[in-house]
Amino acid sequence: MNTSFERSENTKVEWLTPPELVKCLGVFDLDPCTPINTPFFHAKNNYTTLDDGLKKEWFGRVYLNPPYGRGMELWLEKLKFHGNGIALIFARTETKCFFEHIWNDADAVLFVKGRIRFYHVSGVQGGTPGSPSVFIAYGKENANTLKTCGIEGRFLNLK
């Protein structure tokens, strides 16, 4: 199995956050981006692509590892307006998405030290991606969670 992060135009690869990292962040009520055949869950309730989590109502505390690429900003915008959750994306701080949905709207960020080894939907842990990752907190309690979670990295309070 190819577990690298290199993709051709015709492939779709879903990469899952290691469960031990999500456990450090506490209990989540909803993961709106759960793969259809996931080897593990990050929240009590889960929407898959069949549910179209972007169009459904979100509730409670949300964990979001959105589909990367075009449209990712729509997921972050929805979490921003929901106001209660933590997202994980690549730390591309210069992007339009970062400026429109994170720098002025998130409560805090945690830049992860090193590179996260994500899981493939098969349950196999893959290699490291070509970019570092950042957790983004919306809501004061989620900001405090990032600050105290024990995940190695650099915490920045934005509000």
Protein backbone atom coordinates (compact mmCIF):
# COMPACT_ATOMS: atom_id res chain seq x y z
CA MET A 1 0.00 0.00 0.00
CA ASN A 2 1.24 3.46 -0.85
CA THR A 3 1.06 5.53 2.32
CA SER A 4 2.80 8.63 1.05
CA PHE A 5 1.09 11.97 0.75
CA GLU A 6 1.85 12.27 -2.95
CA ARG A 7 -1.32 12.06 -5.04
CA SER A 8 -2.18 12.03 -8.69
CA GLU A 9 -5.10 14.04 -10.02
CA ASN A 10 -7.33 10.97 -10.16
CA THR A 11 -6.94 9.75 -6.58
CA LYS A 12 -8.76 10.76 -3.44
CA VAL A 13 -7.01 10.01 -0.19
CA GLU A 14 -8.52 10.64 3.21
CA TRP A 15 -6.02 11.12 6.01
CA LEU A 16 -7.22 10.74 9.58
CA THR A 17 -5.93 12.42 12.69
CA PRO A 18 -4.17 9.96 15.01
CA PRO A 19 -6.71 9.05 17.71
CA GLU A 20 -4.20 9.64 20.51
CA LEU A 21 -3.97 13.33 19.49
CA VAL A 22 -7.74 13.80 19.47
CA LYS A 23 -8.00 12.10 22.89
CA CYS A 24 -5.67 14.80 24.25
CA LEU A 25 -8.30 17.36 23.19
CA GLY A 26 -11.18 15.81 25.13
CA VAL A 27 -14.64 14.63 24.10
CA PHE A 28 -16.32 15.91 20.96
CA ASP A 29 -20.02 15.83 20.13
CA LEU A 30 -19.65 15.92 16.35
CA ASP A 31 -17.15 15.13 13.60
CA PRO A 32 -18.72 16.39 10.35
CA CYS A 33 -15.94 14.91 8.16
CA THR A 34 -15.84 11.23 9.12
CA PRO A 35 -14.85 8.80 6.35
CA ILE A 36 -17.52 6.28 5.34
CA ASN A 37 -15.42 3.27 6.38
CA THR A 38 -13.43 4.77 9.23
CA PRO A 39 -11.21 2.58 11.42
CA PHE A 40 -11.96 4.80 14.45
CA PHE A 41 -14.16 7.71 15.50
CA HIS A 42 -13.23 11.09 16.98
CA ALA A 43 -16.69 12.13 18.21
CA LYS A 44 -19.93 10.77 19.62
CA ASN A 45 -21.78 11.70 16.41
CA ASN A 46 -20.38 11.57 12.89
CA TYR A 47 -21.34 12.82 9.44
CA THR A 48 -19.82 11.15 6.39
CA THR A 49 -19.70 12.33 2.79
CA LEU A 50 -23.04 10.55 2.35
CA ASP A 51 -24.53 12.91 4.97
CA ASP A 52 -22.84 16.03 3.50
CA GLY A 53 -21.74 17.44 6.84
CA LEU A 54 -21.25 20.89 5.35
CA LYS A 55 -25.00 21.20 4.71
CA LYS A 56 -26.18 19.61 7.95
CA GLU A 57 -26.71 21.41 11.25
CA TRP A 58 -23.77 21.25 13.63
CA PHE A 59 -24.21 20.91 17.36
CA GLY A 60 -22.13 20.80 20.53
CA ARG A 61 -18.36 20.64 20.48
CA VAL A 62 -17.03 19.91 16.97
CA TYR A 63 -13.81 18.22 15.87
CA LEU A 64 -12.95 19.16 12.29
CA ASN A 65 -10.27 17.68 10.06
CA PRO A 66 -11.73 19.05 6.80
CA PRO A 67 -11.12 17.82 3.28
CA TYR A 68 -8.01 19.65 2.13
CA GLY A 69 -7.93 21.58 -1.12
CA ARG A 70 -10.69 23.54 -2.81
CA GLY A 71 -13.60 24.21 -0.49
CA MET A 72 -11.68 23.73 2.76
CA GLU A 73 -12.40 27.34 3.71
CA LEU A 74 -16.16 26.57 3.69
CA TRP A 75 -15.66 24.05 6.50
CA LEU A 76 -13.58 26.50 8.55
CA GLU A 77 -16.11 29.25 7.96
CA LYS A 78 -18.89 26.98 9.25
CA LEU A 79 -16.86 26.11 12.37
CA LYS A 80 -16.05 29.78 12.88
CA PHE A 81 -19.76 30.68 12.88
CA HIS A 82 -20.62 27.64 15.00
CA GLY A 83 -18.07 28.97 17.53
CA ASN A 84 -17.40 25.75 19.47
CA GLY A 85 -14.74 23.39 18.24
CA ILE A 86 -11.22 22.56 17.21
CA ALA A 87 -9.97 22.13 13.64
CA LEU A 88 -6.78 20.62 12.29
CA ILE A 89 -5.33 21.86 9.00
CA PHE A 90 -1.94 22.42 7.42
CA ALA A 91 -0.14 25.44 8.88
CA ARG A 92 -0.20 27.53 5.73
CA THR A 93 -0.40 30.83 7.56
CA GLU A 94 -0.07 33.04 4.48
CA THR A 95 -3.19 31.77 2.73
CA LYS A 96 -6.44 33.62 2.13
CA CYS A 97 -8.21 30.98 4.24
CA PHE A 98 -5.96 31.71 7.24
CA PHE A 99 -6.54 35.45 6.95
CA GLU A 100 -10.30 35.18 6.43
CA HIS A 101 -11.16 32.52 9.00
CA ILE A 102 -8.37 32.11 11.53
CA TRP A 103 -6.16 35.10 12.32
CA ASN A 104 -9.04 37.43 13.22
CA ASP A 105 -11.69 34.92 14.26
CA ALA A 106 -10.16 31.93 16.07
CA ASP A 107 -9.48 32.14 19.80
CA ALA A 108 -6.15 30.28 19.68
CA VAL A 109 -3.87 28.09 17.60
CA LEU A 110 -1.43 25.33 18.46
CA PHE A 111 1.33 24.79 15.93
CA VAL A 112 2.31 21.13 16.24
CA LYS A 113 6.00 20.40 16.69
CA GLY A 114 7.23 18.15 13.90
CA ARG A 115 4.94 16.47 11.39
CA ILE A 116 1.87 14.42 12.27
CA ARG A 117 1.79 10.86 10.93
CA PHE A 118 -1.82 10.63 9.78
CA TYR A 119 -3.76 7.40 9.29
CA HIS A 120 -5.19 6.10 6.04
CA VAL A 121 -8.82 4.86 6.10
CA SER A 122 -7.40 1.33 6.03
CA GLY A 123 -6.16 1.90 9.60
CA VAL A 124 -2.50 2.03 8.52
CA GLN A 125 -0.46 4.97 9.74
CA GLY A 126 1.13 6.76 6.79
CA GLY A 127 4.20 8.83 6.26
CA THR A 128 4.49 12.47 7.11
CA PRO A 129 2.90 15.19 4.96
CA GLY A 130 4.83 17.90 3.19
CA SER A 131 3.53 20.60 5.56
CA PRO A 132 3.32 21.13 9.30
CA SER A 133 -0.07 21.13 11.02
CA VAL A 134 -1.94 23.50 13.29
CA PHE A 135 -4.89 23.01 15.62
CA ILE A 136 -7.34 25.93 15.62
CA ALA A 137 -9.67 26.65 18.54
CA TYR A 138 -12.99 28.46 18.30
CA GLY A 139 -14.36 29.30 21.74
CA LYS A 140 -12.52 30.19 24.96
CA GLU A 141 -12.85 26.69 26.46
CA ASN A 142 -11.35 25.14 23.34
CA ALA A 143 -8.50 27.66 23.46
CA ASN A 144 -7.80 26.61 27.04
CA THR A 145 -7.89 22.97 25.94
CA LEU A 146 -5.23 23.63 23.30
CA LYS A 147 -3.11 25.42 25.88
CA THR A 148 -3.25 22.56 28.38
CA CYS A 149 -3.63 19.44 26.18
CA GLY A 150 -0.02 18.32 26.31
CA ILE A 151 0.43 18.11 22.53
CA GLU A 152 3.96 19.31 21.85
CA GLY A 153 4.11 22.55 19.91
CA ARG A 154 3.70 26.32 20.15
CA PHE A 155 0.44 27.73 21.54
CA LEU A 156 -0.70 31.22 20.56
CA ASN A 157 -3.70 32.95 22.11
CA LEU A 158 -5.33 35.10 19.42
CA LYS A 159 -7.89 36.97 21.53
